[in-house]
Amino acid sequence: MQMTPETIAKLLKQLLGRDVTFQKIAPFKLSAVDPSITASYVTKQGSLAGVWLCDLDLTYRAGAALCMIPAAEAQARLRVSKVDDYLVENFREILNICSQLFTTHEEPSVELGAVYLSAEERPPAIATLIVAPASRLDLQMTISGYGNGRMSILM
């Protein structure tokens, strides 16, 4: 499967049962203090295939939409200063399914590796990829009825 904004939106629409639209945006940077989710994707040999970096808005909104939690509740949880483990766990399921977006003819089996809840947790290999990726795709995704959030996909 080729990773394009259209394939990402289509997969998220199938998973969430809601319209998902996208807009390409300029590369964004989350600071070490900004809450974010970093998912690593690895090959069967254990090498890093890519990284999916999401802001907390996308994490909570997609996590809530997956389990049909009311959008207002997701918005209320965004205002709380601590990470909501339940919505992050829901989003982890989405990240797991999205591993198929990283598969290629050359690398037919890619799976979700570790998920990091802060920039401080990221190992050096991921930090290096974030600074200098071979390719990068930055999107703002809008989930119908839930709102939007940002993601960067780095390979």
C-alpha atoms as a PDB file:
ATOM      1  CA  MET A   1       0.000   0.000   0.000  1.00  0.00           C
ATOM      2  CA  GLN A   2       1.380   3.393  -0.936  1.00  0.00           C
ATOM      3  CA  MET A   3       1.209   6.019   1.788  1.00  0.00           C
ATOM      4  CA  THR A   4      -0.573   9.114   0.539  1.00  0.00           C
ATOM      5  CA  PRO A   5      -2.898  11.554   2.276  1.00  0.00           C
ATOM      6  CA  GLU A   6      -5.773   9.874   0.441  1.00  0.00           C
ATOM      7  CA  THR A   7      -4.884   6.353   1.618  1.00  0.00           C
ATOM      8  CA  ILE A   8      -4.474   7.574   5.202  1.00  0.00           C
ATOM      9  CA  ALA A   9      -7.844   9.364   5.158  1.00  0.00           C
ATOM     10  CA  LYS A  10      -9.531   6.339   3.553  1.00  0.00           C
ATOM     11  CA  LEU A  11      -8.152   3.941   6.172  1.00  0.00           C
ATOM     12  CA  LEU A  12      -9.122   6.256   9.044  1.00  0.00           C
ATOM     13  CA  LYS A  13     -12.608   6.650   7.569  1.00  0.00           C
ATOM     14  CA  GLN A  14     -13.000   2.862   7.480  1.00  0.00           C
ATOM     15  CA  LEU A  15     -11.748   2.493  11.042  1.00  0.00           C
ATOM     16  CA  LEU A  16     -13.778   5.320  12.544  1.00  0.00           C
ATOM     17  CA  GLY A  17     -16.948   4.996  10.487  1.00  0.00           C
ATOM     18  CA  ARG A  18     -16.881   8.758   9.861  1.00  0.00           C
ATOM     19  CA  ASP A  19     -15.777  11.064   7.116  1.00  0.00           C
ATOM     20  CA  VAL A  20     -12.119  11.991   7.443  1.00  0.00           C
ATOM     21  CA  THR A  21     -10.626  14.782   5.392  1.00  0.00           C
ATOM     22  CA  PHE A  22      -7.089  16.089   5.217  1.00  0.00           C
ATOM     23  CA  GLN A  23      -5.131  19.154   4.395  1.00  0.00           C
ATOM     24  CA  LYS A  24      -1.409  19.168   3.728  1.00  0.00           C
ATOM     25  CA  ILE A  25       0.312  21.556   6.111  1.00  0.00           C
ATOM     26  CA  ALA A  26       3.801  22.935   6.568  1.00  0.00           C
ATOM     27  CA  PRO A  27       6.070  20.755   8.688  1.00  0.00           C
ATOM     28  CA  PHE A  28       5.266  21.327  12.318  1.00  0.00           C
ATOM     29  CA  LYS A  29       7.408  20.789  15.347  1.00  0.00           C
ATOM     30  CA  LEU A  30       6.238  19.735  18.758  1.00  0.00           C
ATOM     31  CA  SER A  31       8.489  20.810  21.566  1.00  0.00           C
ATOM     32  CA  ALA A  32       9.651  18.475  24.300  1.00  0.00           C
ATOM     33  CA  VAL A  33       7.006  19.937  26.612  1.00  0.00           C
ATOM     34  CA  ASP A  34       4.096  19.658  24.167  1.00  0.00           C
ATOM     35  CA  PRO A  35       2.078  16.505  24.796  1.00  0.00           C
ATOM     36  CA  SER A  36       2.327  14.251  21.767  1.00  0.00           C
ATOM     37  CA  ILE A  37       2.313  10.647  20.670  1.00  0.00           C
ATOM     38  CA  THR A  38       5.226   9.137  18.775  1.00  0.00           C
ATOM     39  CA  ALA A  39       4.706   5.718  17.239  1.00  0.00           C
ATOM     40  CA  SER A  40       7.574   3.735  15.793  1.00  0.00           C
ATOM     41  CA  TYR A  41       7.086   1.186  13.051  1.00  0.00           C
ATOM     42  CA  VAL A  42       9.604  -1.624  12.675  1.00  0.00           C
ATOM     43  CA  THR A  43      10.421  -4.350  10.174  1.00  0.00           C
ATOM     44  CA  LYS A  44      10.582  -8.036  11.071  1.00  0.00           C
ATOM     45  CA  GLN A  45      14.345  -7.592  11.342  1.00  0.00           C
ATOM     46  CA  GLY A  46      13.815  -4.875  13.943  1.00  0.00           C
ATOM     47  CA  SER A  47      14.953  -1.906  11.889  1.00  0.00           C
ATOM     48  CA  LEU A  48      13.047   1.365  12.014  1.00  0.00           C
ATOM     49  CA  ALA A  49      10.681   1.689   9.033  1.00  0.00           C
ATOM     50  CA  GLY A  50       9.085   4.979  10.031  1.00  0.00           C
ATOM     51  CA  VAL A  51       7.624   7.199  12.703  1.00  0.00           C
ATOM     52  CA  TRP A  52       4.143   8.622  13.100  1.00  0.00           C
ATOM     53  CA  LEU A  53       4.090  11.764  15.245  1.00  0.00           C
ATOM     54  CA  CYS A  54       0.683  13.099  16.352  1.00  0.00           C
ATOM     55  CA  ASP A  55      -0.463  15.967  18.472  1.00  0.00           C
ATOM     56  CA  LEU A  56      -2.769  15.249  21.385  1.00  0.00           C
ATOM     57  CA  ASP A  57      -5.759  16.759  19.552  1.00  0.00           C
ATOM     58  CA  LEU A  58      -5.653  14.057  16.880  1.00  0.00           C
ATOM     59  CA  THR A  59      -4.892  11.347  19.433  1.00  0.00           C
ATOM     60  CA  TYR A  60      -7.890  12.164  21.636  1.00  0.00           C
ATOM     61  CA  ARG A  61     -10.336  12.907  18.835  1.00  0.00           C
ATOM     62  CA  ALA A  62      -9.542   9.754  16.855  1.00  0.00           C
ATOM     63  CA  GLY A  63      -9.434   7.664  20.046  1.00  0.00           C
ATOM     64  CA  ALA A  64     -12.867   8.963  21.050  1.00  0.00           C
ATOM     65  CA  ALA A  65     -14.331   8.471  17.567  1.00  0.00           C
ATOM     66  CA  LEU A  66     -13.100   4.861  17.488  1.00  0.00           C
ATOM     67  CA  CYS A  67     -15.186   3.956  20.545  1.00  0.00           C
ATOM     68  CA  MET A  68     -17.997   6.437  19.850  1.00  0.00           C
ATOM     69  CA  ILE A  69     -17.222   8.517  22.922  1.00  0.00           C
ATOM     70  CA  PRO A  70     -19.021  11.858  22.543  1.00  0.00           C
ATOM     71  CA  ALA A  71     -16.895  14.554  20.935  1.00  0.00           C
ATOM     72  CA  ALA A  72     -17.632  16.912  23.844  1.00  0.00           C
ATOM     73  CA  GLU A  73     -16.055  14.423  26.255  1.00  0.00           C
ATOM     74  CA  ALA A  74     -12.915  14.180  24.138  1.00  0.00           C
ATOM     75  CA  GLN A  75     -12.749  17.981  24.054  1.00  0.00           C
ATOM     76  CA  ALA A  76     -13.111  18.134  27.854  1.00  0.00           C
ATOM     77  CA  ARG A  77     -10.303  15.604  28.272  1.00  0.00           C
ATOM     78  CA  LEU A  78      -8.052  17.748  26.057  1.00  0.00           C
ATOM     79  CA  ARG A  79      -8.374  20.582  28.584  1.00  0.00           C
ATOM     80  CA  VAL A  80      -7.012  18.398  31.404  1.00  0.00           C
ATOM     81  CA  SER A  81      -3.249  18.618  31.825  1.00  0.00           C
ATOM     82  CA  LYS A  82      -2.491  14.887  32.178  1.00  0.00           C
ATOM     83  CA  VAL A  83      -2.507  12.250  29.444  1.00  0.00           C
ATOM     84  CA  ASP A  84      -5.754  10.292  29.231  1.00  0.00           C
ATOM     85  CA  ASP A  85      -4.646   6.653  29.160  1.00  0.00           C
ATOM     86  CA  TYR A  86      -7.994   5.383  27.855  1.00  0.00           C
ATOM     87  CA  LEU A  87      -8.035   7.599  24.756  1.00  0.00           C
ATOM     88  CA  VAL A  88      -4.336   6.936  24.129  1.00  0.00           C
ATOM     89  CA  GLU A  89      -4.985   3.177  24.278  1.00  0.00           C
ATOM     90  CA  ASN A  90      -7.825   3.572  21.756  1.00  0.00           C
ATOM     91  CA  PHE A  91      -5.492   5.541  19.504  1.00  0.00           C
ATOM     92  CA  ARG A  92      -2.835   2.843  19.881  1.00  0.00           C
ATOM     93  CA  GLU A  93      -5.282   0.441  18.206  1.00  0.00           C
ATOM     94  CA  ILE A  94      -5.569   2.871  15.291  1.00  0.00           C
ATOM     95  CA  LEU A  95      -1.775   3.124  15.091  1.00  0.00           C
ATOM     96  CA  ASN A  96      -1.509  -0.660  15.061  1.00  0.00           C
ATOM     97  CA  ILE A  97      -3.869  -0.992  12.117  1.00  0.00           C
ATOM     98  CA  CYS A  98      -2.080   1.853  10.312  1.00  0.00           C
ATOM     99  CA  SER A  99       1.104  -0.236  10.236  1.00  0.00           C
ATOM    100  CA  GLN A 100      -0.137  -1.536   6.869  1.00  0.00           C
ATOM    101  CA  LEU A 101       0.523   1.939   5.451  1.00  0.00           C
ATOM    102  CA  PHE A 102       4.265   1.364   5.974  1.00  0.00           C
ATOM    103  CA  THR A 103       4.412  -1.908   4.052  1.00  0.00           C
ATOM    104  CA  THR A 104       6.058  -1.916   0.651  1.00  0.00           C
ATOM    105  CA  HIS A 105       7.090  -4.487  -1.915  1.00  0.00           C
ATOM    106  CA  GLU A 106      10.609  -4.353  -0.467  1.00  0.00           C
ATOM    107  CA  GLU A 107       9.352  -4.521   3.137  1.00  0.00           C
ATOM    108  CA  PRO A 108       6.119  -6.551   3.182  1.00  0.00           C
ATOM    109  CA  SER A 109       5.876  -6.863   6.961  1.00  0.00           C
ATOM    110  CA  VAL A 110       5.976  -3.764   9.140  1.00  0.00           C
ATOM    111  CA  GLU A 111       4.419  -3.623  12.595  1.00  0.00           C
ATOM    112  CA  LEU A 112       3.809  -1.093  15.309  1.00  0.00           C
ATOM    113  CA  GLY A 113       6.809  -0.894  17.607  1.00  0.00           C
ATOM    114  CA  ALA A 114       6.873   1.259  20.707  1.00  0.00           C
ATOM    115  CA  VAL A 115       4.585   4.195  21.392  1.00  0.00           C
ATOM    116  CA  TYR A 116       6.054   7.117  23.326  1.00  0.00           C
ATOM    117  CA  LEU A 117       3.978   9.638  25.254  1.00  0.00           C
ATOM    118  CA  SER A 118       6.618  12.350  25.435  1.00  0.00           C
ATOM    119  CA  ALA A 119       9.626  13.594  23.508  1.00  0.00           C
ATOM    120  CA  GLU A 120      11.899  12.648  26.426  1.00  0.00           C
ATOM    121  CA  GLU A 121      11.010   8.965  25.997  1.00  0.00           C
ATOM    122  CA  ARG A 122      12.080   8.783  22.347  1.00  0.00           C
ATOM    123  CA  PRO A 123      15.259   6.764  21.763  1.00  0.00           C
ATOM    124  CA  PRO A 124      18.133   8.346  19.787  1.00  0.00           C
ATOM    125  CA  ALA A 125      17.278   6.555  16.504  1.00  0.00           C
ATOM    126  CA  ILE A 126      13.795   8.066  16.495  1.00  0.00           C
ATOM    127  CA  ALA A 127      15.039  11.508  17.522  1.00  0.00           C
ATOM    128  CA  THR A 128      17.521  11.366  14.631  1.00  0.00           C
ATOM    129  CA  LEU A 129      14.819  10.380  12.128  1.00  0.00           C
ATOM    130  CA  ILE A 130      12.593  13.222  13.329  1.00  0.00           C
ATOM    131  CA  VAL A 131      15.387  15.735  12.744  1.00  0.00           C
ATOM    132  CA  ALA A 132      16.443  14.426   9.305  1.00  0.00           C
ATOM    133  CA  PRO A 133      13.890  12.125   7.624  1.00  0.00           C
ATOM    134  CA  ALA A 134      14.341  10.861   4.070  1.00  0.00           C
ATOM    135  CA  SER A 135      10.672  11.721   3.474  1.00  0.00           C
ATOM    136  CA  ARG A 136       8.061  13.558   5.478  1.00  0.00           C
ATOM    137  CA  LEU A 137       4.323  14.084   5.164  1.00  0.00           C
ATOM    138  CA  ASP A 138       2.554  16.614   7.410  1.00  0.00           C
ATOM    139  CA  LEU A 139      -1.230  16.639   7.527  1.00  0.00           C
ATOM    140  CA  GLN A 140      -4.091  18.133   9.409  1.00  0.00           C
ATOM    141  CA  MET A 141      -6.805  15.491   9.629  1.00  0.00           C
ATOM    142  CA  THR A 142     -10.418  16.427  10.330  1.00  0.00           C
ATOM    143  CA  ILE A 143     -12.725  13.760  11.728  1.00  0.00           C
ATOM    144  CA  SER A 144     -16.380  14.566  11.029  1.00  0.00           C
ATOM    145  CA  GLY A 145     -18.106  15.541  14.265  1.00  0.00           C
ATOM    146  CA  TYR A 146     -14.890  15.422  16.314  1.00  0.00           C
ATOM    147  CA  GLY A 147     -12.586  18.104  14.952  1.00  0.00           C
ATOM    148  CA  ASN A 148      -8.998  18.077  13.790  1.00  0.00           C
ATOM    149  CA  GLY A 149      -5.461  17.366  14.751  1.00  0.00           C
ATOM    150  CA  ARG A 150      -2.014  17.198  13.180  1.00  0.00           C
ATOM    151  CA  MET A 151       0.296  14.367  12.221  1.00  0.00           C
ATOM    152  CA  SER A 152       3.731  13.944  10.704  1.00  0.00           C
ATOM    153  CA  ILE A 153       4.745  10.744   9.020  1.00  0.00           C
ATOM    154  CA  LEU A 154       8.494  10.347   8.744  1.00  0.00           C
ATOM    155  CA  MET A 155      10.447   7.707   6.887  1.00  0.00           C
END
